[in-house]
Amino acid sequence: MILNSLDRYRDFGLLLLRVGIGGMFVVAHGWSKILGGPEMWENVGGAMGHLGITFFPVFWGFMAACAEFFGGLALIVGFLFRPTVVLMGFTMAVAATHHLASGDGLALASHALKMAILFGSLILIGPGRYSLDARLGRSAG
């Protein structure tokens, strides 16, 4: 079948996915949270309360902002890929839990759920050949 010939572009597809999703996390999610400062970090970190973790919400919010911003950068270049997607997946799982536990419904939780599923899949797939991890001799998936 003609579509099977696209298999040879698998690594380019992974690069496109990493750059696209990573860029969105840097620009649309992480940067604004980092710039939001302690007030925003406390609000974001409050989501951990749904997991029974009610201490240091500013710290947890700052960690979420860093996971989204620096994780997005690491995703783009494919550096420390699997640890990065684990952290980003956990961040999205917490966000989804927050939306669902707050009664926001599936419509608002769906973005975080989709991202958690994507990151879970990327743990298994790996970063592909066009990544810093592959260049450094780490697993390229």
N, C-alpha and C. Protein backbone atom coordinates (compact mmCIF):
# COMPACT_ATOMS: atom_id res chain seq x y z
N MET A 1 0.84 -1.18 0.00
CA MET A 1 0.00 0.00 0.00
C MET A 1 0.89 1.25 0.00
N ILE A 2 0.43 2.28 -0.64
CA ILE A 2 1.22 3.53 -0.78
C ILE A 2 1.51 4.16 0.58
N LEU A 3 0.55 4.13 1.48
CA LEU A 3 0.76 4.76 2.79
C LEU A 3 1.84 4.08 3.61
N ASN A 4 2.11 2.79 3.35
CA ASN A 4 3.18 2.08 4.05
C ASN A 4 4.55 2.66 3.73
N SER A 5 4.68 3.29 2.57
CA SER A 5 5.97 3.88 2.20
C SER A 5 6.31 5.06 3.10
N LEU A 6 5.34 5.57 3.83
CA LEU A 6 5.60 6.69 4.76
C LEU A 6 6.37 6.24 6.00
N ASP A 7 6.50 4.92 6.21
CA ASP A 7 7.24 4.41 7.36
C ASP A 7 8.66 4.94 7.40
N ARG A 8 9.24 5.22 6.26
CA ARG A 8 10.62 5.70 6.23
C ARG A 8 10.75 7.12 6.81
N TYR A 9 9.62 7.79 7.02
CA TYR A 9 9.63 9.14 7.59
C TYR A 9 9.26 9.16 9.07
N ARG A 10 9.26 8.00 9.70
CA ARG A 10 8.86 7.87 11.10
C ARG A 10 9.67 8.81 12.01
N ASP A 11 10.98 8.85 11.84
CA ASP A 11 11.81 9.70 12.70
C ASP A 11 11.55 11.18 12.45
N PHE A 12 11.27 11.54 11.21
CA PHE A 12 10.92 12.93 10.93
C PHE A 12 9.57 13.26 11.57
N GLY A 13 8.65 12.30 11.54
CA GLY A 13 7.35 12.50 12.19
C GLY A 13 7.50 12.71 13.69
N LEU A 14 8.39 11.94 14.32
CA LEU A 14 8.65 12.13 15.75
C LEU A 14 9.27 13.50 16.02
N LEU A 15 10.17 13.94 15.13
CA LEU A 15 10.76 15.27 15.27
C LEU A 15 9.68 16.34 15.18
N LEU A 16 8.81 16.22 14.20
CA LEU A 16 7.73 17.18 14.03
C LEU A 16 6.82 17.21 15.26
N LEU A 17 6.50 16.04 15.78
CA LEU A 17 5.67 15.94 16.98
C LEU A 17 6.35 16.58 18.17
N ARG A 18 7.65 16.27 18.37
CA ARG A 18 8.39 16.83 19.51
C ARG A 18 8.48 18.34 19.42
N VAL A 19 8.81 18.88 18.25
CA VAL A 19 8.96 20.32 18.09
C VAL A 19 7.61 21.02 18.26
N GLY A 20 6.57 20.46 17.67
CA GLY A 20 5.25 21.08 17.77
C GLY A 20 4.69 21.09 19.18
N ILE A 21 4.68 19.94 19.83
CA ILE A 21 4.14 19.85 21.19
C ILE A 21 5.06 20.57 22.17
N GLY A 22 6.37 20.39 22.03
CA GLY A 22 7.31 21.06 22.92
C GLY A 22 7.20 22.57 22.80
N GLY A 23 7.11 23.06 21.57
CA GLY A 23 6.96 24.51 21.37
C GLY A 23 5.70 25.07 21.98
N MET A 24 4.61 24.33 21.86
CA MET A 24 3.36 24.79 22.47
C MET A 24 3.48 24.84 23.99
N PHE A 25 4.15 23.86 24.58
CA PHE A 25 4.31 23.88 26.02
C PHE A 25 5.20 25.04 26.47
N VAL A 26 6.26 25.32 25.73
CA VAL A 26 7.13 26.44 26.08
C VAL A 26 6.37 27.75 26.00
N VAL A 27 5.73 28.00 24.86
CA VAL A 27 5.12 29.31 24.58
C VAL A 27 3.76 29.48 25.24
N ALA A 28 2.90 28.50 25.12
CA ALA A 28 1.51 28.68 25.55
C ALA A 28 1.24 28.26 26.99
N HIS A 29 2.13 27.50 27.59
CA HIS A 29 1.86 27.00 28.94
C HIS A 29 2.94 27.41 29.94
N GLY A 30 4.14 26.94 29.74
CA GLY A 30 5.21 27.12 30.72
C GLY A 30 5.65 28.56 30.93
N TRP A 31 5.86 29.29 29.84
CA TRP A 31 6.39 30.66 29.96
C TRP A 31 5.44 31.54 30.77
N SER A 32 4.16 31.47 30.48
CA SER A 32 3.20 32.31 31.21
C SER A 32 3.13 31.93 32.68
N LYS A 33 3.28 30.65 32.98
CA LYS A 33 3.26 30.22 34.38
C LYS A 33 4.53 30.68 35.11
N ILE A 34 5.67 30.61 34.45
CA ILE A 34 6.90 31.09 35.08
C ILE A 34 6.80 32.58 35.35
N LEU A 35 6.32 33.34 34.38
CA LEU A 35 6.18 34.79 34.55
C LEU A 35 5.11 35.16 35.56
N GLY A 36 4.16 34.25 35.80
CA GLY A 36 3.06 34.53 36.72
C GLY A 36 3.49 34.74 38.15
N GLY A 37 4.66 34.23 38.52
CA GLY A 37 5.19 34.43 39.86
C GLY A 37 4.48 33.64 40.93
N PRO A 38 4.85 33.92 42.18
CA PRO A 38 4.36 33.12 43.32
C PRO A 38 2.83 33.03 43.43
N GLU A 39 2.12 34.07 43.06
CA GLU A 39 0.66 34.02 43.15
C GLU A 39 0.11 32.95 42.20
N MET A 40 0.61 32.94 40.97
CA MET A 40 0.17 31.92 40.02
C MET A 40 0.65 30.55 40.44
N TRP A 41 1.89 30.45 40.90
CA TRP A 41 2.43 29.15 41.30
C TRP A 41 1.61 28.55 42.43
N GLU A 42 1.17 29.39 43.36
CA GLU A 42 0.34 28.89 44.46
C GLU A 42 -0.99 28.36 43.93
N ASN A 43 -1.58 29.07 42.99
CA ASN A 43 -2.84 28.64 42.40
C ASN A 43 -2.67 27.32 41.64
N VAL A 44 -1.63 27.23 40.81
CA VAL A 44 -1.38 26.01 40.05
C VAL A 44 -1.02 24.87 41.00
N GLY A 45 -0.16 25.14 41.98
CA GLY A 45 0.26 24.11 42.92
C GLY A 45 -0.85 23.62 43.82
N GLY A 46 -1.90 24.41 43.96
CA GLY A 46 -3.05 23.98 44.75
C GLY A 46 -3.72 22.74 44.19
N ALA A 47 -3.47 22.44 42.91
CA ALA A 47 -4.04 21.24 42.29
C ALA A 47 -3.56 19.97 42.97
N MET A 48 -2.39 20.04 43.61
CA MET A 48 -1.88 18.87 44.32
C MET A 48 -2.77 18.48 45.49
N GLY A 49 -3.56 19.42 45.97
CA GLY A 49 -4.49 19.14 47.06
C GLY A 49 -5.46 18.02 46.73
N HIS A 50 -5.77 17.86 45.45
CA HIS A 50 -6.67 16.77 45.04
C HIS A 50 -6.00 15.41 45.19
N LEU A 51 -4.68 15.41 45.37
CA LEU A 51 -3.95 14.17 45.61
C LEU A 51 -3.60 14.02 47.08
N GLY A 52 -4.12 14.93 47.92
CA GLY A 52 -3.85 14.88 49.34
C GLY A 52 -2.56 15.57 49.74
N ILE A 53 -1.93 16.27 48.82
CA ILE A 53 -0.68 17.00 49.10
C ILE A 53 -1.03 18.48 49.20
N THR A 54 -1.14 18.96 50.43
CA THR A 54 -1.60 20.33 50.64
C THR A 54 -0.49 21.28 51.09
N PHE A 55 0.71 20.77 51.25
CA PHE A 55 1.82 21.62 51.70
C PHE A 55 2.61 22.17 50.51
N PHE A 56 3.20 23.32 50.67
CA PHE A 56 4.07 23.98 49.69
C PHE A 56 3.44 24.15 48.30
N PRO A 57 2.25 24.70 48.20
CA PRO A 57 1.64 24.85 46.88
C PRO A 57 2.45 25.75 45.94
N VAL A 58 3.16 26.73 46.48
CA VAL A 58 3.99 27.59 45.62
C VAL A 58 5.10 26.76 44.97
N PHE A 59 5.71 25.88 45.75
CA PHE A 59 6.76 25.01 45.22
C PHE A 59 6.21 24.11 44.11
N TRP A 60 5.07 23.46 44.36
CA TRP A 60 4.50 22.55 43.37
C TRP A 60 4.09 23.29 42.10
N GLY A 61 3.56 24.49 42.26
CA GLY A 61 3.20 25.29 41.09
C GLY A 61 4.42 25.70 40.28
N PHE A 62 5.49 26.06 40.99
CA PHE A 62 6.73 26.40 40.30
C PHE A 62 7.29 25.18 39.57
N MET A 63 7.20 24.01 40.19
CA MET A 63 7.67 22.79 39.55
C MET A 63 6.85 22.47 38.30
N ALA A 64 5.54 22.70 38.37
CA ALA A 64 4.69 22.48 37.19
C ALA A 64 5.08 23.44 36.07
N ALA A 65 5.32 24.70 36.42
CA ALA A 65 5.74 25.69 35.42
C ALA A 65 7.06 25.28 34.79
N CYS A 66 8.00 24.83 35.60
CA CYS A 66 9.30 24.38 35.08
C CYS A 66 9.16 23.14 34.22
N ALA A 67 8.31 22.20 34.65
CA ALA A 67 8.09 20.98 33.86
C ALA A 67 7.56 21.34 32.48
N GLU A 68 6.65 22.30 32.42
CA GLU A 68 6.07 22.68 31.13
C GLU A 68 7.05 23.49 30.29
N PHE A 69 7.77 24.43 30.89
CA PHE A 69 8.68 25.27 30.12
C PHE A 69 9.96 24.51 29.74
N PHE A 70 10.70 24.06 30.74
CA PHE A 70 11.96 23.37 30.45
C PHE A 70 11.73 21.99 29.84
N GLY A 71 10.62 21.35 30.23
CA GLY A 71 10.26 20.08 29.61
C GLY A 71 9.95 20.27 28.13
N GLY A 72 9.28 21.37 27.79
CA GLY A 72 9.02 21.66 26.39
C GLY A 72 10.30 21.85 25.61
N LEU A 73 11.27 22.56 26.20
CA LEU A 73 12.57 22.75 25.54
C LEU A 73 13.28 21.41 25.35
N ALA A 74 13.27 20.58 26.40
CA ALA A 74 13.93 19.27 26.31
C ALA A 74 13.23 18.38 25.28
N LEU A 75 11.91 18.50 25.20
CA LEU A 75 11.15 17.73 24.21
C LEU A 75 11.55 18.14 22.80
N ILE A 76 11.68 19.43 22.56
CA ILE A 76 12.05 19.94 21.24
C ILE A 76 13.36 19.33 20.75
N VAL A 77 14.37 19.34 21.61
CA VAL A 77 15.69 18.84 21.19
C VAL A 77 15.87 17.35 21.45
N GLY A 78 14.94 16.74 22.17
CA GLY A 78 15.03 15.31 22.44
C GLY A 78 16.13 14.97 23.42
N PHE A 79 16.24 15.76 24.49
CA PHE A 79 17.28 15.56 25.49
C PHE A 79 16.66 15.04 26.78
N LEU A 80 17.26 13.99 27.35
CA LEU A 80 16.70 13.32 28.53
C LEU A 80 15.21 13.06 28.30
N PHE A 81 14.95 12.51 27.14
CA PHE A 81 13.59 12.44 26.62
C PHE A 81 12.62 11.70 27.54
N ARG A 82 12.95 10.47 27.90
CA ARG A 82 11.99 9.69 28.69
C ARG A 82 11.77 10.27 30.08
N PRO A 83 12.81 10.69 30.81
CA PRO A 83 12.53 11.35 32.09
C PRO A 83 11.67 12.61 31.93
N THR A 84 11.91 13.33 30.85
CA THR A 84 11.13 14.55 30.59
C THR A 84 9.67 14.23 30.36
N VAL A 85 9.37 13.23 29.53
CA VAL A 85 7.96 12.95 29.27
C VAL A 85 7.27 12.32 30.48
N VAL A 86 8.03 11.66 31.35
CA VAL A 86 7.43 11.17 32.60
C VAL A 86 6.98 12.36 33.44
N LEU A 87 7.85 13.36 33.61
CA LEU A 87 7.49 14.54 34.40
C LEU A 87 6.34 15.31 33.78
N MET A 88 6.39 15.48 32.47
CA MET A 88 5.31 16.21 31.80
C MET A 88 4.00 15.43 31.86
N GLY A 89 4.08 14.11 31.73
CA GLY A 89 2.88 13.28 31.84
C GLY A 89 2.27 13.36 33.23
N PHE A 90 3.12 13.35 34.26
CA PHE A 90 2.62 13.48 35.63
C PHE A 90 1.96 14.84 35.83
N THR A 91 2.58 15.89 35.30
CA THR A 91 2.01 17.23 35.41
C THR A 91 0.63 17.29 34.77
N MET A 92 0.49 16.66 33.62
CA MET A 92 -0.81 16.65 32.93
C MET A 92 -1.83 15.78 33.66
N ALA A 93 -1.38 14.69 34.27
CA ALA A 93 -2.29 13.84 35.05
C ALA A 93 -2.82 14.61 36.25
N VAL A 94 -1.96 15.40 36.91
CA VAL A 94 -2.41 16.22 38.03
C VAL A 94 -3.40 17.28 37.55
N ALA A 95 -3.10 17.90 36.40
CA ALA A 95 -4.02 18.91 35.86
C ALA A 95 -5.38 18.30 35.53
N ALA A 96 -5.38 17.13 34.93
CA ALA A 96 -6.65 16.46 34.60
C ALA A 96 -7.41 16.11 35.87
N THR A 97 -6.71 15.60 36.87
CA THR A 97 -7.34 15.27 38.15
C THR A 97 -7.96 16.51 38.77
N HIS A 98 -7.23 17.62 38.71
CA HIS A 98 -7.74 18.88 39.25
C HIS A 98 -9.05 19.28 38.57
N HIS A 99 -9.07 19.24 37.24
CA HIS A 99 -10.28 19.64 36.52
C HIS A 99 -11.45 18.72 36.84
N LEU A 100 -11.19 17.43 36.87
CA LEU A 100 -12.28 16.48 37.14
C LEU A 100 -12.77 16.60 38.58
N ALA A 101 -11.84 16.73 39.54
CA ALA A 101 -12.23 16.83 40.95
C ALA A 101 -12.91 18.15 41.26
N SER A 102 -12.61 19.18 40.48
CA SER A 102 -13.23 20.49 40.69
C SER A 102 -14.60 20.60 40.04
N GLY A 103 -15.02 19.54 39.37
CA GLY A 103 -16.33 19.55 38.72
C GLY A 103 -16.33 20.25 37.38
N ASP A 104 -15.15 20.49 36.79
CA ASP A 104 -15.07 21.17 35.50
C ASP A 104 -15.55 20.29 34.35
N GLY A 105 -15.58 19.00 34.58
CA GLY A 105 -16.05 18.08 33.55
C GLY A 105 -14.97 17.67 32.58
N LEU A 106 -15.33 16.72 31.75
CA LEU A 106 -14.39 16.15 30.80
C LEU A 106 -13.96 17.16 29.74
N ALA A 107 -14.83 18.09 29.38
CA ALA A 107 -14.48 19.06 28.34
C ALA A 107 -13.24 19.86 28.73
N LEU A 108 -13.17 20.31 29.98
CA LEU A 108 -12.00 21.08 30.42
C LEU A 108 -10.82 20.18 30.77
N ALA A 109 -11.08 18.97 31.18
CA ALA A 109 -10.00 18.05 31.54
C ALA A 109 -9.40 17.36 30.31
N SER A 110 -10.09 17.42 29.18
CA SER A 110 -9.68 16.62 28.03
C SER A 110 -8.31 17.01 27.48
N HIS A 111 -7.96 18.29 27.49
CA HIS A 111 -6.65 18.69 26.97
C HIS A 111 -5.54 18.03 27.80
N ALA A 112 -5.64 18.14 29.11
CA ALA A 112 -4.63 17.54 29.97
C ALA A 112 -4.62 16.02 29.83
N LEU A 113 -5.79 15.42 29.70
CA LEU A 113 -5.86 13.96 29.51
C LEU A 113 -5.20 13.54 28.20
N LYS A 114 -5.48 14.29 27.13
CA LYS A 114 -4.86 13.96 25.84
C LYS A 114 -3.35 14.08 25.92
N MET A 115 -2.87 15.10 26.59
CA MET A 115 -1.42 15.28 26.71
C MET A 115 -0.80 14.18 27.56
N ALA A 116 -1.49 13.77 28.63
CA ALA A 116 -0.98 12.67 29.47
C ALA A 116 -0.90 11.38 28.66
N ILE A 117 -1.90 11.12 27.83
CA ILE A 117 -1.89 9.94 26.97
C ILE A 117 -0.75 10.04 25.95
N LEU A 118 -0.57 11.21 25.36
CA LEU A 118 0.52 11.41 24.41
C LEU A 118 1.88 11.15 25.07
N PHE A 119 2.09 11.72 26.26
CA PHE A 119 3.37 11.54 26.93
C PHE A 119 3.58 10.08 27.33
N GLY A 120 2.51 9.41 27.75
CA GLY A 120 2.62 7.99 28.05
C GLY A 120 3.03 7.19 26.82
N SER A 121 2.49 7.54 25.67
CA SER A 121 2.87 6.87 24.43
C SER A 121 4.32 7.15 24.07
N LEU A 122 4.74 8.40 24.26
CA LEU A 122 6.12 8.77 23.91
C LEU A 122 7.16 8.08 24.79
N ILE A 123 6.77 7.75 26.02
CA ILE A 123 7.68 6.97 26.87
C ILE A 123 8.04 5.67 26.16
N LEU A 124 7.04 5.04 25.55
CA LEU A 124 7.24 3.76 24.87
C LEU A 124 7.92 3.92 23.51
N ILE A 125 7.63 5.00 22.80
CA ILE A 125 8.13 5.19 21.44
C ILE A 125 9.57 5.70 21.43
N GLY A 126 9.88 6.62 22.32
CA GLY A 126 11.21 7.23 22.33
C GLY A 126 11.26 8.47 21.45
N PRO A 127 12.40 9.17 21.45
CA PRO A 127 12.51 10.46 20.77
C PRO A 127 12.78 10.37 19.26
N GLY A 128 13.21 9.22 18.78
CA GLY A 128 13.54 9.09 17.37
C GLY A 128 15.00 9.41 17.09
N ARG A 129 15.38 9.20 15.86
CA ARG A 129 16.77 9.36 15.43
C ARG A 129 17.23 10.81 15.47
N TYR A 130 16.34 11.75 15.18
CA TYR A 130 16.72 13.16 15.13
C TYR A 130 16.53 13.81 16.49
N SER A 131 17.31 13.36 17.45
CA SER A 131 17.23 13.87 18.81
C SER A 131 18.62 13.97 19.40
N LEU A 132 18.74 14.79 20.41
CA LEU A 132 20.03 14.93 21.09
C LEU A 132 20.39 13.62 21.80
N ASP A 133 19.39 12.95 22.35
CA ASP A 133 19.65 11.66 23.00
C ASP A 133 20.28 10.66 22.02
N ALA A 134 19.74 10.60 20.80
CA ALA A 134 20.30 9.69 19.80
C ALA A 134 21.72 10.11 19.44
N ARG A 135 21.93 11.40 19.33
CA ARG A 135 23.26 11.92 18.98
C ARG A 135 24.29 11.59 20.06
N LEU A 136 23.83 11.58 21.32
CA LEU A 136 24.71 11.30 22.44
C LEU A 136 24.83 9.81 22.75
N GLY A 137 24.17 8.99 21.95
CA GLY A 137 24.27 7.54 22.12
C GLY A 137 23.27 6.97 23.10
N ARG A 138 22.31 7.76 23.52
CA ARG A 138 21.24 7.21 24.37
C ARG A 138 20.21 6.56 23.47
N SER A 139 19.24 5.91 24.06
CA SER A 139 18.20 5.24 23.29
C SER A 139 17.41 6.23 22.45
N ALA A 140 17.27 5.96 21.18
CA ALA A 140 16.50 6.82 20.27
C ALA A 140 15.12 6.24 20.00
N GLY A 141 14.78 5.15 20.63
CA GLY A 141 13.46 4.58 20.44
C GLY A 141 13.33 3.73 19.23
